[in-house]
Amino acid sequence: MTLTKSEALDRGSKRVPSARRAGPAASGACARTAWGRPGTGGTGVIPATRRACVPGAAGRKGLPGRGLGAVAAAALGLTLLTGCGGGDTAAVPEGWGTLDTKSVSVGYPEDQGYAPQPAAERGPANAAVAVKEEKGLRTGMVSVQLDFATGVGDAGEAAAAAGAGIGLGTTRKDTRDVRLAGEESARDARRIDYEFTSGGEDRTPAKGTRMTGVVVAGVDSRDVPFAVRVNAVKGALTPADLDAFVGSITVK
C-alpha cells in the first residue's frame, strides 16, 4: 500500500491513549507518524511512530561523518566500557549538527544537506526538526516528538506505541532493543527500521519513491515519552549513517 505524504507525515504527530490509561480495550499505546507537512504533526519525509525504545551508543564528539560503521562500533565499545550512565553524552559524527530538546538530543547529517527547521514552520507535535530539501522537495527529515502518547511509563509500552504508529503500507525490516547514552534510568529504548513508499504529495519525493526510516522511542528520566525519527530516500543514508543516527541520541 502507498502512503500519501499527509498520512506519512501525520503519523506519530498526535498523542494516543495507552493500554495502561485507557484499559484493555486500548491495548498498546499509540501515536501517529509524521511525514512532515507544514503546519501538521510531521515535517520532512519521515513517517512518525508511537513510543518505542531504541538502542544507542555513548561516545565523544568529533567523529568522522563518513565511515560511520567504525564510528558506531567505536561508540558502542565506549558505551560498554564506561557504562554510559549519569549524563554521559552520545557520539555525534564530525560534520553533523545536533537537535536539542528537554528530553533528548540527537545528531543529524548537516554535511549531507540537512538543516534545522524554524519553529514557525514545523508541526506543533514536533519539538525539533532538521530537513533536507532538494529541488523544492523534502527528501529527508530528522524529527523529535515528545509526550506524544499517554499512559506510557516504560520501554515496553513505548515500543508498543511506536510500532502502532508506523502505520499501514510500511514494511518493518528490523526491531531491536537498544541502550541510549544519558540518564541511567532512561537509557532503555527500542529501534525499529522500516521502509515505505512516498505518495508524492506536499513536496515529498515523487509518488512511488521508496523511502527508508528508523524510529527510536522510549521514556525520559521524567517519564515523558519520546520518539526520534529519521526518514530519507532509500539509499541516501547508508546503514552506517542510520547506526550513527541512533548512536547520537542522548536521553535526559
C-alpha atoms as a PDB file:
ATOM      1  CA  MET A   1       0.000   0.000   0.000  1.00  0.00           C
ATOM      2  CA  THR A   2       1.227   3.524  -0.758  1.00  0.00           C
ATOM      3  CA  LEU A   3       1.078   6.198   1.932  1.00  0.00           C
ATOM      4  CA  THR A   4       0.222   9.737   0.951  1.00  0.00           C
ATOM      5  CA  LYS A   5       2.585  12.396   2.204  1.00  0.00           C
ATOM      6  CA  SER A   6      -0.035  13.640   4.595  1.00  0.00           C
ATOM      7  CA  GLU A   7      -0.552  10.161   6.022  1.00  0.00           C
ATOM      8  CA  ALA A   8       3.150   9.536   6.422  1.00  0.00           C
ATOM      9  CA  LEU A   9       3.839  12.929   7.906  1.00  0.00           C
ATOM     10  CA  ASP A  10       0.897  12.926  10.289  1.00  0.00           C
ATOM     11  CA  ARG A  11       1.685   9.576  11.841  1.00  0.00           C
ATOM     12  CA  GLY A  12       3.067   9.888  15.288  1.00  0.00           C
ATOM     13  CA  SER A  13       2.070  13.522  15.493  1.00  0.00           C
ATOM     14  CA  LYS A  14      -0.756  13.067  17.951  1.00  0.00           C
ATOM     15  CA  ARG A  15      -0.978  11.582  21.366  1.00  0.00           C
ATOM     16  CA  VAL A  16      -2.724   8.271  21.719  1.00  0.00           C
ATOM     17  CA  PRO A  17      -4.123   6.748  24.892  1.00  0.00           C
ATOM     18  CA  SER A  18      -2.084   3.844  26.177  1.00  0.00           C
ATOM     19  CA  ALA A  19      -3.309   0.494  27.403  1.00  0.00           C
ATOM     20  CA  ARG A  20      -2.489   1.423  30.967  1.00  0.00           C
ATOM     21  CA  ARG A  21      -4.562   4.577  30.965  1.00  0.00           C
ATOM     22  CA  ALA A  22      -7.323   3.565  28.581  1.00  0.00           C
ATOM     23  CA  GLY A  23      -7.733  -0.003  29.738  1.00  0.00           C
ATOM     24  CA  PRO A  24      -7.838  -3.365  27.953  1.00  0.00           C
ATOM     25  CA  ALA A  25      -9.844  -2.018  25.061  1.00  0.00           C
ATOM     26  CA  ALA A  26      -6.917   0.178  24.126  1.00  0.00           C
ATOM     27  CA  SER A  27      -4.194  -2.429  24.417  1.00  0.00           C
ATOM     28  CA  GLY A  28      -0.990  -0.920  23.125  1.00  0.00           C
ATOM     29  CA  ALA A  29      -0.367   2.792  23.443  1.00  0.00           C
ATOM     30  CA  CYS A  30      -0.348   4.579  20.136  1.00  0.00           C
ATOM     31  CA  ALA A  31       0.814   7.719  18.460  1.00  0.00           C
ATOM     32  CA  ARG A  32       0.660   8.898  14.885  1.00  0.00           C
ATOM     33  CA  THR A  33       3.511   9.108  12.477  1.00  0.00           C
ATOM     34  CA  ALA A  34       4.665  12.371  10.971  1.00  0.00           C
ATOM     35  CA  TRP A  35       5.538  12.795   7.334  1.00  0.00           C
ATOM     36  CA  GLY A  36       6.439  16.456   7.524  1.00  0.00           C
ATOM     37  CA  ARG A  37       3.655  18.607   6.166  1.00  0.00           C
ATOM     38  CA  PRO A  38       3.956  22.266   7.243  1.00  0.00           C
ATOM     39  CA  GLY A  39       1.524  23.059   9.994  1.00  0.00           C
ATOM     40  CA  THR A  40       0.883  19.429  10.870  1.00  0.00           C
ATOM     41  CA  GLY A  41       2.389  17.000  13.349  1.00  0.00           C
ATOM     42  CA  GLY A  42       5.028  15.978  10.859  1.00  0.00           C
ATOM     43  CA  THR A  43       7.678  17.643   8.774  1.00  0.00           C
ATOM     44  CA  GLY A  44      10.017  16.418   6.141  1.00  0.00           C
ATOM     45  CA  VAL A  45       9.691  12.925   4.757  1.00  0.00           C
ATOM     46  CA  ILE A  46       9.582  10.796   7.831  1.00  0.00           C
ATOM     47  CA  PRO A  47       6.652   8.683   8.974  1.00  0.00           C
ATOM     48  CA  ALA A  48       6.242   9.182  12.667  1.00  0.00           C
ATOM     49  CA  THR A  49       5.630   6.321  15.027  1.00  0.00           C
ATOM     50  CA  ARG A  50       4.415   5.777  18.539  1.00  0.00           C
ATOM     51  CA  ARG A  51       6.598   5.351  21.542  1.00  0.00           C
ATOM     52  CA  ALA A  52       9.316   2.851  21.294  1.00  0.00           C
ATOM     53  CA  CYS A  53      12.734   2.105  22.722  1.00  0.00           C
ATOM     54  CA  VAL A  54      15.866   2.339  20.700  1.00  0.00           C
ATOM     55  CA  PRO A  55      19.468   1.171  21.059  1.00  0.00           C
ATOM     56  CA  GLY A  56      22.240   3.697  21.000  1.00  0.00           C
ATOM     57  CA  ALA A  57      25.849   4.231  21.906  1.00  0.00           C
ATOM     58  CA  ALA A  58      27.678   6.762  24.018  1.00  0.00           C
ATOM     59  CA  GLY A  59      30.910   8.348  22.982  1.00  0.00           C
ATOM     60  CA  ARG A  60      32.688  11.559  22.124  1.00  0.00           C
ATOM     61  CA  LYS A  61      32.072  14.236  19.576  1.00  0.00           C
ATOM     62  CA  GLY A  62      34.271  14.896  16.585  1.00  0.00           C
ATOM     63  CA  LEU A  63      33.989  11.546  14.832  1.00  0.00           C
ATOM     64  CA  PRO A  64      34.197  11.312  11.014  1.00  0.00           C
ATOM     65  CA  GLY A  65      30.953  11.919   9.159  1.00  0.00           C
ATOM     66  CA  ARG A  66      31.679   9.039   6.786  1.00  0.00           C
ATOM     67  CA  GLY A  67      32.963   5.587   7.525  1.00  0.00           C
ATOM     68  CA  LEU A  68      30.318   5.672  10.204  1.00  0.00           C
ATOM     69  CA  GLY A  69      30.281   1.922  10.657  1.00  0.00           C
ATOM     70  CA  ALA A  70      33.571   2.252  12.520  1.00  0.00           C
ATOM     71  CA  VAL A  71      32.202   5.278  14.354  1.00  0.00           C
ATOM     72  CA  ALA A  72      29.154   3.382  15.568  1.00  0.00           C
ATOM     73  CA  ALA A  73      31.272   0.411  16.594  1.00  0.00           C
ATOM     74  CA  ALA A  74      33.727   2.612  18.470  1.00  0.00           C
ATOM     75  CA  ALA A  75      30.914   4.493  20.189  1.00  0.00           C
ATOM     76  CA  LEU A  76      29.257   1.239  21.204  1.00  0.00           C
ATOM     77  CA  GLY A  77      32.546  -0.055  22.541  1.00  0.00           C
ATOM     78  CA  LEU A  78      32.977   3.049  24.636  1.00  0.00           C
ATOM     79  CA  THR A  79      29.447   2.673  25.923  1.00  0.00           C
ATOM     80  CA  LEU A  80      30.151  -0.862  27.075  1.00  0.00           C
ATOM     81  CA  LEU A  81      33.401   0.163  28.730  1.00  0.00           C
ATOM     82  CA  THR A  82      32.099   3.206  30.548  1.00  0.00           C
ATOM     83  CA  GLY A  83      28.556   2.059  31.283  1.00  0.00           C
ATOM     84  CA  CYS A  84      27.328   5.324  29.751  1.00  0.00           C
ATOM     85  CA  GLY A  85      25.496   6.335  32.886  1.00  0.00           C
ATOM     86  CA  GLY A  86      24.624   9.527  34.666  1.00  0.00           C
ATOM     87  CA  GLY A  87      24.693  12.132  31.973  1.00  0.00           C
ATOM     88  CA  ASP A  88      27.253  10.757  29.511  1.00  0.00           C
ATOM     89  CA  THR A  89      26.791  12.263  26.067  1.00  0.00           C
ATOM     90  CA  ALA A  90      26.371  10.239  22.867  1.00  0.00           C
ATOM     91  CA  ALA A  91      28.738  10.374  19.905  1.00  0.00           C
ATOM     92  CA  VAL A  92      27.893  12.933  17.222  1.00  0.00           C
ATOM     93  CA  PRO A  93      29.911  12.435  13.997  1.00  0.00           C
ATOM     94  CA  GLU A  94      32.059  15.240  12.670  1.00  0.00           C
ATOM     95  CA  GLY A  95      30.112  17.335  10.194  1.00  0.00           C
ATOM     96  CA  TRP A  96      26.789  16.634  11.887  1.00  0.00           C
ATOM     97  CA  GLY A  97      24.616  19.111  13.733  1.00  0.00           C
ATOM     98  CA  THR A  98      22.575  18.490  16.886  1.00  0.00           C
ATOM     99  CA  LEU A  99      18.886  18.928  17.701  1.00  0.00           C
ATOM    100  CA  ASP A 100      18.479  19.556  21.426  1.00  0.00           C
ATOM    101  CA  THR A 101      15.210  19.250  23.359  1.00  0.00           C
ATOM    102  CA  LYS A 102      14.287  18.971  27.026  1.00  0.00           C
ATOM    103  CA  SER A 103      14.077  15.173  26.819  1.00  0.00           C
ATOM    104  CA  VAL A 104      16.648  14.122  24.224  1.00  0.00           C
ATOM    105  CA  SER A 105      19.314  15.398  21.868  1.00  0.00           C
ATOM    106  CA  VAL A 106      20.139  13.770  18.524  1.00  0.00           C
ATOM    107  CA  GLY A 107      22.555  14.320  15.674  1.00  0.00           C
ATOM    108  CA  TYR A 108      21.582  14.989  12.063  1.00  0.00           C
ATOM    109  CA  PRO A 109      23.775  14.858   8.917  1.00  0.00           C
ATOM    110  CA  GLU A 110      24.346  18.552   8.360  1.00  0.00           C
ATOM    111  CA  ASP A 111      27.170  17.734   5.940  1.00  0.00           C
ATOM    112  CA  GLN A 112      24.610  15.972   3.730  1.00  0.00           C
ATOM    113  CA  GLY A 113      22.328  18.984   3.450  1.00  0.00           C
ATOM    114  CA  TYR A 114      20.072  18.665   6.500  1.00  0.00           C
ATOM    115  CA  ALA A 115      19.229  21.950   8.237  1.00  0.00           C
ATOM    116  CA  PRO A 116      17.131  22.835  11.322  1.00  0.00           C
ATOM    117  CA  GLN A 117      13.571  23.838  10.585  1.00  0.00           C
ATOM    118  CA  PRO A 118      12.352  27.057  12.285  1.00  0.00           C
ATOM    119  CA  ALA A 119       9.753  26.540  14.999  1.00  0.00           C
ATOM    120  CA  ALA A 120       7.233  28.569  12.998  1.00  0.00           C
ATOM    121  CA  GLU A 121       7.487  26.119  10.082  1.00  0.00           C
ATOM    122  CA  ARG A 122       7.362  22.775  11.843  1.00  0.00           C
ATOM    123  CA  GLY A 123       4.257  20.984  13.028  1.00  0.00           C
ATOM    124  CA  PRO A 124       3.143  21.600  16.623  1.00  0.00           C
ATOM    125  CA  ALA A 125       3.712  17.935  17.512  1.00  0.00           C
ATOM    126  CA  ASN A 126       7.433  18.185  16.792  1.00  0.00           C
ATOM    127  CA  ALA A 127       9.842  19.533  19.385  1.00  0.00           C
ATOM    128  CA  ALA A 128      12.681  19.765  16.856  1.00  0.00           C
ATOM    129  CA  VAL A 129      13.177  19.024  13.157  1.00  0.00           C
ATOM    130  CA  ALA A 130      16.011  19.031  10.614  1.00  0.00           C
ATOM    131  CA  VAL A 131      15.046  18.753   6.940  1.00  0.00           C
ATOM    132  CA  LYS A 132      16.898  18.082   3.703  1.00  0.00           C
ATOM    133  CA  GLU A 133      15.433  19.773   0.643  1.00  0.00           C
ATOM    134  CA  GLU A 134      16.408  19.098  -2.963  1.00  0.00           C
ATOM    135  CA  LYS A 135      14.869  20.941  -5.909  1.00  0.00           C
ATOM    136  CA  GLY A 136      11.963  22.032  -3.738  1.00  0.00           C
ATOM    137  CA  LEU A 137      11.241  18.543  -2.355  1.00  0.00           C
ATOM    138  CA  ARG A 138      11.736  17.374   1.221  1.00  0.00           C
ATOM    139  CA  THR A 139      13.843  14.272   0.671  1.00  0.00           C
ATOM    140  CA  GLY A 140      14.947  13.663   4.249  1.00  0.00           C
ATOM    141  CA  MET A 141      13.978  14.565   7.779  1.00  0.00           C
ATOM    142  CA  VAL A 142      15.073  14.051  11.359  1.00  0.00           C
ATOM    143  CA  SER A 143      12.401  14.793  13.967  1.00  0.00           C
ATOM    144  CA  VAL A 144      11.856  14.644  17.711  1.00  0.00           C
ATOM    145  CA  GLN A 145       8.414  14.246  19.253  1.00  0.00           C
ATOM    146  CA  LEU A 146       7.827  14.479  22.998  1.00  0.00           C
ATOM    147  CA  ASP A 147       4.869  13.426  25.130  1.00  0.00           C
ATOM    148  CA  PHE A 148       3.160  12.088  22.006  1.00  0.00           C
ATOM    149  CA  ALA A 149       1.226   9.281  23.704  1.00  0.00           C
ATOM    150  CA  THR A 150      -0.458   8.932  27.069  1.00  0.00           C
ATOM    151  CA  GLY A 151      -0.031   6.204  29.657  1.00  0.00           C
ATOM    152  CA  VAL A 152       3.439   5.172  28.533  1.00  0.00           C
ATOM    153  CA  GLY A 153       5.654   4.511  31.523  1.00  0.00           C
ATOM    154  CA  ASP A 154       8.423   2.213  30.301  1.00  0.00           C
ATOM    155  CA  ALA A 155      10.294   0.988  27.245  1.00  0.00           C
ATOM    156  CA  GLY A 156       7.871  -1.841  26.548  1.00  0.00           C
ATOM    157  CA  GLU A 157       4.856   0.450  26.384  1.00  0.00           C
ATOM    158  CA  ALA A 158       6.803   2.947  24.346  1.00  0.00           C
ATOM    159  CA  ALA A 159       7.698   0.226  21.853  1.00  0.00           C
ATOM    160  CA  ALA A 160       4.053  -0.809  21.501  1.00  0.00           C
ATOM    161  CA  ALA A 161       3.027   2.786  20.810  1.00  0.00           C
ATOM    162  CA  ALA A 162       5.840   3.354  18.324  1.00  0.00           C
ATOM    163  CA  GLY A 163       5.077   0.168  16.443  1.00  0.00           C
ATOM    164  CA  ALA A 164       1.402   1.027  16.128  1.00  0.00           C
ATOM    165  CA  GLY A 165       2.268   4.481  14.860  1.00  0.00           C
ATOM    166  CA  ILE A 166       4.298   3.329  11.878  1.00  0.00           C
ATOM    167  CA  GLY A 167       1.078   2.521  10.073  1.00  0.00           C
ATOM    168  CA  LEU A 168      -0.207   0.609   7.058  1.00  0.00           C
ATOM    169  CA  GLY A 169       1.862   0.385   3.915  1.00  0.00           C
ATOM    170  CA  THR A 170       5.109   0.328   5.860  1.00  0.00           C
ATOM    171  CA  THR A 171       7.392  -2.698   5.854  1.00  0.00           C
ATOM    172  CA  ARG A 172       9.282  -3.364   9.055  1.00  0.00           C
ATOM    173  CA  LYS A 173      12.823  -4.504   8.415  1.00  0.00           C
ATOM    174  CA  ASP A 174      14.117  -4.911  11.967  1.00  0.00           C
ATOM    175  CA  THR A 175      13.157  -4.288  15.600  1.00  0.00           C
ATOM    176  CA  ARG A 176      15.626  -4.424  18.475  1.00  0.00           C
ATOM    177  CA  ASP A 177      16.185  -3.151  21.982  1.00  0.00           C
ATOM    178  CA  VAL A 178      18.961  -0.625  22.462  1.00  0.00           C
ATOM    179  CA  ARG A 179      20.705   1.324  25.202  1.00  0.00           C
ATOM    180  CA  LEU A 180      20.984   5.066  24.711  1.00  0.00           C
ATOM    181  CA  ALA A 181      23.533   7.429  26.191  1.00  0.00           C
ATOM    182  CA  GLY A 182      22.406   9.664  29.035  1.00  0.00           C
ATOM    183  CA  GLU A 183      20.471   9.199  32.248  1.00  0.00           C
ATOM    184  CA  GLU A 184      20.807   5.634  33.514  1.00  0.00           C
ATOM    185  CA  SER A 185      17.128   5.323  34.441  1.00  0.00           C
ATOM    186  CA  ALA A 186      16.027   6.218  30.902  1.00  0.00           C
ATOM    187  CA  ARG A 187      18.553   4.503  28.639  1.00  0.00           C
ATOM    188  CA  ASP A 188      16.427   1.507  27.616  1.00  0.00           C
ATOM    189  CA  ALA A 189      14.747   2.091  24.257  1.00  0.00           C
ATOM    190  CA  ARG A 190      13.752   0.309  21.074  1.00  0.00           C
ATOM    191  CA  ARG A 191      14.798   0.811  17.472  1.00  0.00           C
ATOM    192  CA  ILE A 192      12.520  -0.005  14.544  1.00  0.00           C
ATOM    193  CA  ASP A 193      13.840   0.034  10.963  1.00  0.00           C
ATOM    194  CA  TYR A 194      11.252   0.263   8.190  1.00  0.00           C
ATOM    195  CA  GLU A 195      10.587   1.168   4.548  1.00  0.00           C
ATOM    196  CA  PHE A 196       7.610   2.820   2.886  1.00  0.00           C
ATOM    197  CA  THR A 197       6.554   4.358  -0.411  1.00  0.00           C
ATOM    198  CA  SER A 198       6.208   8.100  -0.913  1.00  0.00           C
ATOM    199  CA  GLY A 199       2.809   9.324  -2.015  1.00  0.00           C
ATOM    200  CA  GLY A 200       4.346  12.217  -3.962  1.00  0.00           C
ATOM    201  CA  GLU A 201       2.320  14.926  -2.236  1.00  0.00           C
ATOM    202  CA  ASP A 202       3.098  18.054  -0.204  1.00  0.00           C
ATOM    203  CA  ARG A 203       6.602  18.454  -1.606  1.00  0.00           C
ATOM    204  CA  THR A 204       7.661  14.903  -0.804  1.00  0.00           C
ATOM    205  CA  PRO A 205       9.536  12.729  -3.351  1.00  0.00           C
ATOM    206  CA  ALA A 206       7.733  11.537  -6.469  1.00  0.00           C
ATOM    207  CA  LYS A 207       4.954   9.006  -5.993  1.00  0.00           C
ATOM    208  CA  GLY A 208       6.344   5.506  -5.799  1.00  0.00           C
ATOM    209  CA  THR A 209       9.766   6.546  -4.469  1.00  0.00           C
ATOM    210  CA  ARG A 210      10.957   4.069  -1.866  1.00  0.00           C
ATOM    211  CA  MET A 211      11.861   5.593   1.475  1.00  0.00           C
ATOM    212  CA  THR A 212      13.733   4.242   4.450  1.00  0.00           C
ATOM    213  CA  GLY A 213      13.374   5.162   8.091  1.00  0.00           C
ATOM    214  CA  VAL A 214      14.386   4.468  11.668  1.00  0.00           C
ATOM    215  CA  VAL A 215      12.442   5.369  14.788  1.00  0.00           C
ATOM    216  CA  VAL A 216      13.870   5.190  18.287  1.00  0.00           C
ATOM    217  CA  ALA A 217      11.441   5.555  21.173  1.00  0.00           C
ATOM    218  CA  GLY A 218      11.492   5.418  24.935  1.00  0.00           C
ATOM    219  CA  VAL A 219      10.717   7.354  28.105  1.00  0.00           C
ATOM    220  CA  ASP A 220      12.978  10.022  29.592  1.00  0.00           C
ATOM    221  CA  SER A 221      14.015  10.340  33.244  1.00  0.00           C
ATOM    222  CA  ARG A 222      10.852  12.354  33.975  1.00  0.00           C
ATOM    223  CA  ASP A 223       8.608   9.695  32.401  1.00  0.00           C
ATOM    224  CA  VAL A 224       7.963  11.755  29.267  1.00  0.00           C
ATOM    225  CA  PRO A 225       7.715   9.546  26.151  1.00  0.00           C
ATOM    226  CA  PHE A 226       9.839  10.452  23.152  1.00  0.00           C
ATOM    227  CA  ALA A 227      10.148   9.306  19.549  1.00  0.00           C
ATOM    228  CA  VAL A 228      13.171  10.240  17.436  1.00  0.00           C
ATOM    229  CA  ARG A 229      12.967   9.553  13.690  1.00  0.00           C
ATOM    230  CA  VAL A 230      14.932   9.807  10.511  1.00  0.00           C
ATOM    231  CA  ASN A 231      13.364   9.301   7.059  1.00  0.00           C
ATOM    232  CA  ALA A 232      15.116   9.603   3.730  1.00  0.00           C
ATOM    233  CA  VAL A 233      15.008   8.409   0.144  1.00  0.00           C
ATOM    234  CA  LYS A 234      16.167   4.799   0.191  1.00  0.00           C
ATOM    235  CA  GLY A 235      19.909   4.603  -0.319  1.00  0.00           C
ATOM    236  CA  ALA A 236      20.561   8.262   0.513  1.00  0.00           C
ATOM    237  CA  LEU A 237      21.670   7.294   4.025  1.00  0.00           C
ATOM    238  CA  THR A 238      23.885   4.253   4.444  1.00  0.00           C
ATOM    239  CA  PRO A 239      23.362   1.616   7.140  1.00  0.00           C
ATOM    240  CA  ALA A 240      26.341   3.201   8.904  1.00  0.00           C
ATOM    241  CA  ASP A 241      24.623   6.610   8.783  1.00  0.00           C
ATOM    242  CA  LEU A 242      21.495   5.120  10.353  1.00  0.00           C
ATOM    243  CA  ASP A 243      23.559   3.444  13.081  1.00  0.00           C
ATOM    244  CA  ALA A 244      25.346   6.738  13.736  1.00  0.00           C
ATOM    245  CA  PHE A 245      21.969   8.479  13.986  1.00  0.00           C
ATOM    246  CA  VAL A 246      20.860   6.055  16.703  1.00  0.00           C
ATOM    247  CA  GLY A 247      24.235   6.281  18.401  1.00  0.00           C
ATOM    248  CA  SER A 248      23.977  10.091  18.540  1.00  0.00           C
ATOM    249  CA  ILE A 249      20.895  10.109  20.795  1.00  0.00           C
ATOM    250  CA  THR A 250      21.300  11.237  24.393  1.00  0.00           C
ATOM    251  CA  VAL A 251      18.303  10.886  26.740  1.00  0.00           C
ATOM    252  CA  LYS A 252      17.861  13.277  29.655  1.00  0.00           C
END
